[in-house]
Amino acid sequence: MLIRVDPSSPVPLGDQVAASVRRAVADGRAAAGDRLPPAREVAGALGINLHTVLRGYQQLRDEGLVDLRRGRGAVLTERATGGRAELERKAGELAELARRLGLDESDALGAVRAAFR
């Protein structure tokens, strides 16, 4: 699994590590039972502090997406299922609701943008 960060982003690097793993799960590139790369390896490859990577892994553990054990590494749990299919299903539901309410695409997209704020 490839973990990426953008050092120029205002988002803390540990948060970016966690988001990168979440994105891999959502896209189906990672699944329950997969091992995350060792934190030392990720830190070395990205040129960031080991504790920053561990902070990202701990976020995932706190969310229940990763089982983090000393000597065993970080393993994705059963909660780490592809979220892309669910997102697409919910997007379809949103589009159908918007149509029933007489809203157009730009209104629905505006509602989604507002939800991200």
C-alpha atoms as a PDB file:
ATOM      1  CA  MET A   1       0.000   0.000   0.000  1.00  0.00           C
ATOM      2  CA  LEU A   2       1.327   3.363  -0.999  1.00  0.00           C
ATOM      3  CA  ILE A   3       0.940   6.091   1.628  1.00  0.00           C
ATOM      4  CA  ARG A   4       1.270   9.648   0.402  1.00  0.00           C
ATOM      5  CA  VAL A   5       1.523  13.023   2.105  1.00  0.00           C
ATOM      6  CA  ASP A   6       1.821  16.584   0.860  1.00  0.00           C
ATOM      7  CA  PRO A   7       4.305  18.524   3.018  1.00  0.00           C
ATOM      8  CA  SER A   8       2.988  21.820   1.631  1.00  0.00           C
ATOM      9  CA  SER A   9      -0.566  21.082   2.812  1.00  0.00           C
ATOM     10  CA  PRO A  10      -1.853  22.777   5.971  1.00  0.00           C
ATOM     11  CA  VAL A  11      -3.250  19.385   7.088  1.00  0.00           C
ATOM     12  CA  PRO A  12      -0.970  17.800   9.731  1.00  0.00           C
ATOM     13  CA  LEU A  13       1.157  14.988   8.313  1.00  0.00           C
ATOM     14  CA  GLY A  14      -0.206  12.402  10.752  1.00  0.00           C
ATOM     15  CA  ASP A  15      -3.737  13.225   9.590  1.00  0.00           C
ATOM     16  CA  GLN A  16      -2.576  12.860   5.988  1.00  0.00           C
ATOM     17  CA  VAL A  17      -1.127   9.413   6.732  1.00  0.00           C
ATOM     18  CA  ALA A  18      -4.468   8.289   8.200  1.00  0.00           C
ATOM     19  CA  ALA A  19      -6.407   9.841   5.303  1.00  0.00           C
ATOM     20  CA  SER A  20      -4.181   8.077   2.783  1.00  0.00           C
ATOM     21  CA  VAL A  21      -4.982   4.702   4.351  1.00  0.00           C
ATOM     22  CA  ARG A  22      -8.705   5.541   4.516  1.00  0.00           C
ATOM     23  CA  ARG A  23      -8.599   6.470   0.830  1.00  0.00           C
ATOM     24  CA  ALA A  24      -6.910   3.151  -0.050  1.00  0.00           C
ATOM     25  CA  VAL A  25      -9.677   1.298   1.804  1.00  0.00           C
ATOM     26  CA  ALA A  26     -12.415   3.338   0.139  1.00  0.00           C
ATOM     27  CA  ASP A  27     -10.911   2.757  -3.308  1.00  0.00           C
ATOM     28  CA  GLY A  28     -10.573  -0.974  -2.698  1.00  0.00           C
ATOM     29  CA  ARG A  29      -6.760  -0.922  -2.823  1.00  0.00           C
ATOM     30  CA  ALA A  30      -6.657  -2.175   0.783  1.00  0.00           C
ATOM     31  CA  ALA A  31      -9.005  -4.507   2.641  1.00  0.00           C
ATOM     32  CA  ALA A  32      -9.569  -6.161   5.989  1.00  0.00           C
ATOM     33  CA  GLY A  33      -6.632  -8.365   6.931  1.00  0.00           C
ATOM     34  CA  ASP A  34      -4.073  -6.356   4.965  1.00  0.00           C
ATOM     35  CA  ARG A  35      -1.006  -5.229   6.860  1.00  0.00           C
ATOM     36  CA  LEU A  36       0.005  -1.596   6.763  1.00  0.00           C
ATOM     37  CA  PRO A  37       3.671  -0.982   5.985  1.00  0.00           C
ATOM     38  CA  PRO A  38       5.863  -0.704   9.086  1.00  0.00           C
ATOM     39  CA  ALA A  39       5.836   2.823  10.487  1.00  0.00           C
ATOM     40  CA  ARG A  40       9.626   3.063  10.268  1.00  0.00           C
ATOM     41  CA  GLU A  41       9.502   2.159   6.595  1.00  0.00           C
ATOM     42  CA  VAL A  42       6.796   4.755   5.879  1.00  0.00           C
ATOM     43  CA  ALA A  43       8.654   7.434   7.831  1.00  0.00           C
ATOM     44  CA  GLY A  44      11.878   6.722   5.971  1.00  0.00           C
ATOM     45  CA  ALA A  45      10.225   6.649   2.554  1.00  0.00           C
ATOM     46  CA  LEU A  46       8.331   9.895   3.163  1.00  0.00           C
ATOM     47  CA  GLY A  47      11.107  11.665   5.055  1.00  0.00           C
ATOM     48  CA  ILE A  48       8.904  12.334   8.086  1.00  0.00           C
ATOM     49  CA  ASN A  49       9.184  11.548  11.773  1.00  0.00           C
ATOM     50  CA  LEU A  50       8.352   8.021  12.946  1.00  0.00           C
ATOM     51  CA  HIS A  51       6.027   9.415  15.622  1.00  0.00           C
ATOM     52  CA  THR A  52       4.085  11.315  12.959  1.00  0.00           C
ATOM     53  CA  VAL A  53       3.350   8.054  11.140  1.00  0.00           C
ATOM     54  CA  LEU A  54       2.456   6.368  14.435  1.00  0.00           C
ATOM     55  CA  ARG A  55       0.066   9.234  15.202  1.00  0.00           C
ATOM     56  CA  GLY A  56      -1.716   8.555  11.907  1.00  0.00           C
ATOM     57  CA  TYR A  57      -1.850   4.823  12.644  1.00  0.00           C
ATOM     58  CA  GLN A  58      -3.214   5.539  16.138  1.00  0.00           C
ATOM     59  CA  GLN A  59      -6.021   7.642  14.619  1.00  0.00           C
ATOM     60  CA  LEU A  60      -6.975   4.639  12.513  1.00  0.00           C
ATOM     61  CA  ARG A  61      -6.830   2.412  15.592  1.00  0.00           C
ATOM     62  CA  ASP A  62      -9.074   4.819  17.512  1.00  0.00           C
ATOM     63  CA  GLU A  63     -11.566   4.659  14.609  1.00  0.00           C
ATOM     64  CA  GLY A  64     -11.508   0.861  14.741  1.00  0.00           C
ATOM     65  CA  LEU A  65     -10.005   0.529  11.264  1.00  0.00           C
ATOM     66  CA  VAL A  66      -6.646  -0.855  12.391  1.00  0.00           C
ATOM     67  CA  ASP A  67      -5.547  -3.378  14.974  1.00  0.00           C
ATOM     68  CA  LEU A  68      -2.215  -2.059  16.227  1.00  0.00           C
ATOM     69  CA  ARG A  69      -0.080  -4.491  18.226  1.00  0.00           C
ATOM     70  CA  ARG A  70       3.568  -4.394  19.170  1.00  0.00           C
ATOM     71  CA  GLY A  71       5.544  -6.970  17.238  1.00  0.00           C
ATOM     72  CA  ARG A  72       2.632  -7.714  14.908  1.00  0.00           C
ATOM     73  CA  GLY A  73       2.311  -4.369  13.217  1.00  0.00           C
ATOM     74  CA  ALA A  74      -0.820  -2.660  11.987  1.00  0.00           C
ATOM     75  CA  VAL A  75      -3.519  -4.810  10.381  1.00  0.00           C
ATOM     76  CA  LEU A  76      -6.753  -3.531   8.853  1.00  0.00           C
ATOM     77  CA  THR A  77      -9.808  -4.774  10.748  1.00  0.00           C
ATOM     78  CA  GLU A  78     -13.150  -6.014   9.450  1.00  0.00           C
ATOM     79  CA  ARG A  79     -14.429  -2.423   9.650  1.00  0.00           C
ATOM     80  CA  ALA A  80     -12.029  -1.587   6.818  1.00  0.00           C
ATOM     81  CA  THR A  81     -14.304  -2.414   3.938  1.00  0.00           C
ATOM     82  CA  GLY A  82     -14.453  -0.586   0.633  1.00  0.00           C
ATOM     83  CA  GLY A  83     -16.472   2.538   1.231  1.00  0.00           C
ATOM     84  CA  ARG A  84     -16.547   3.595  -2.412  1.00  0.00           C
ATOM     85  CA  ALA A  85     -19.563   1.400  -3.193  1.00  0.00           C
ATOM     86  CA  GLU A  86     -21.450   2.825  -0.216  1.00  0.00           C
ATOM     87  CA  LEU A  87     -20.549   6.372  -1.244  1.00  0.00           C
ATOM     88  CA  GLU A  88     -21.806   5.766  -4.772  1.00  0.00           C
ATOM     89  CA  ARG A  89     -25.037   4.228  -3.449  1.00  0.00           C
ATOM     90  CA  LYS A  90     -25.647   7.198  -1.155  1.00  0.00           C
ATOM     91  CA  ALA A  91     -24.832   9.620  -3.977  1.00  0.00           C
ATOM     92  CA  GLY A  92     -27.507   7.919  -6.064  1.00  0.00           C
ATOM     93  CA  GLU A  93     -29.962   8.283  -3.183  1.00  0.00           C
ATOM     94  CA  LEU A  94     -29.064  11.966  -2.897  1.00  0.00           C
ATOM     95  CA  ALA A  95     -29.601  12.515  -6.620  1.00  0.00           C
ATOM     96  CA  GLU A  96     -32.992  10.774  -6.436  1.00  0.00           C
ATOM     97  CA  LEU A  97     -34.038  12.879  -3.417  1.00  0.00           C
ATOM     98  CA  ALA A  98     -32.939  16.077  -5.187  1.00  0.00           C
ATOM     99  CA  ARG A  99     -35.049  15.146  -8.226  1.00  0.00           C
ATOM    100  CA  ARG A 100     -38.103  14.452  -6.047  1.00  0.00           C
ATOM    101  CA  LEU A 101     -37.667  17.847  -4.398  1.00  0.00           C
ATOM    102  CA  GLY A 102     -37.393  19.532  -7.792  1.00  0.00           C
ATOM    103  CA  LEU A 103     -33.756  20.512  -7.300  1.00  0.00           C
ATOM    104  CA  ASP A 104     -31.191  20.461 -10.060  1.00  0.00           C
ATOM    105  CA  GLU A 105     -27.624  19.142 -10.039  1.00  0.00           C
ATOM    106  CA  SER A 106     -26.091  22.443  -8.949  1.00  0.00           C
ATOM    107  CA  ASP A 107     -28.455  22.630  -5.943  1.00  0.00           C
ATOM    108  CA  ALA A 108     -27.520  19.085  -4.884  1.00  0.00           C
ATOM    109  CA  LEU A 109     -23.803  19.759  -5.345  1.00  0.00           C
ATOM    110  CA  GLY A 110     -24.176  22.966  -3.342  1.00  0.00           C
ATOM    111  CA  ALA A 111     -25.695  20.985  -0.486  1.00  0.00           C
ATOM    112  CA  VAL A 112     -22.772  18.539  -0.590  1.00  0.00           C
ATOM    113  CA  ARG A 113     -20.228  21.393  -0.621  1.00  0.00           C
ATOM    114  CA  ALA A 114     -21.982  22.990   2.354  1.00  0.00           C
ATOM    115  CA  ALA A 115     -21.822  19.682   4.232  1.00  0.00           C
ATOM    116  CA  PHE A 116     -18.008  19.649   3.815  1.00  0.00           C
ATOM    117  CA  ARG A 117     -17.680  23.043   5.502  1.00  0.00           C
END
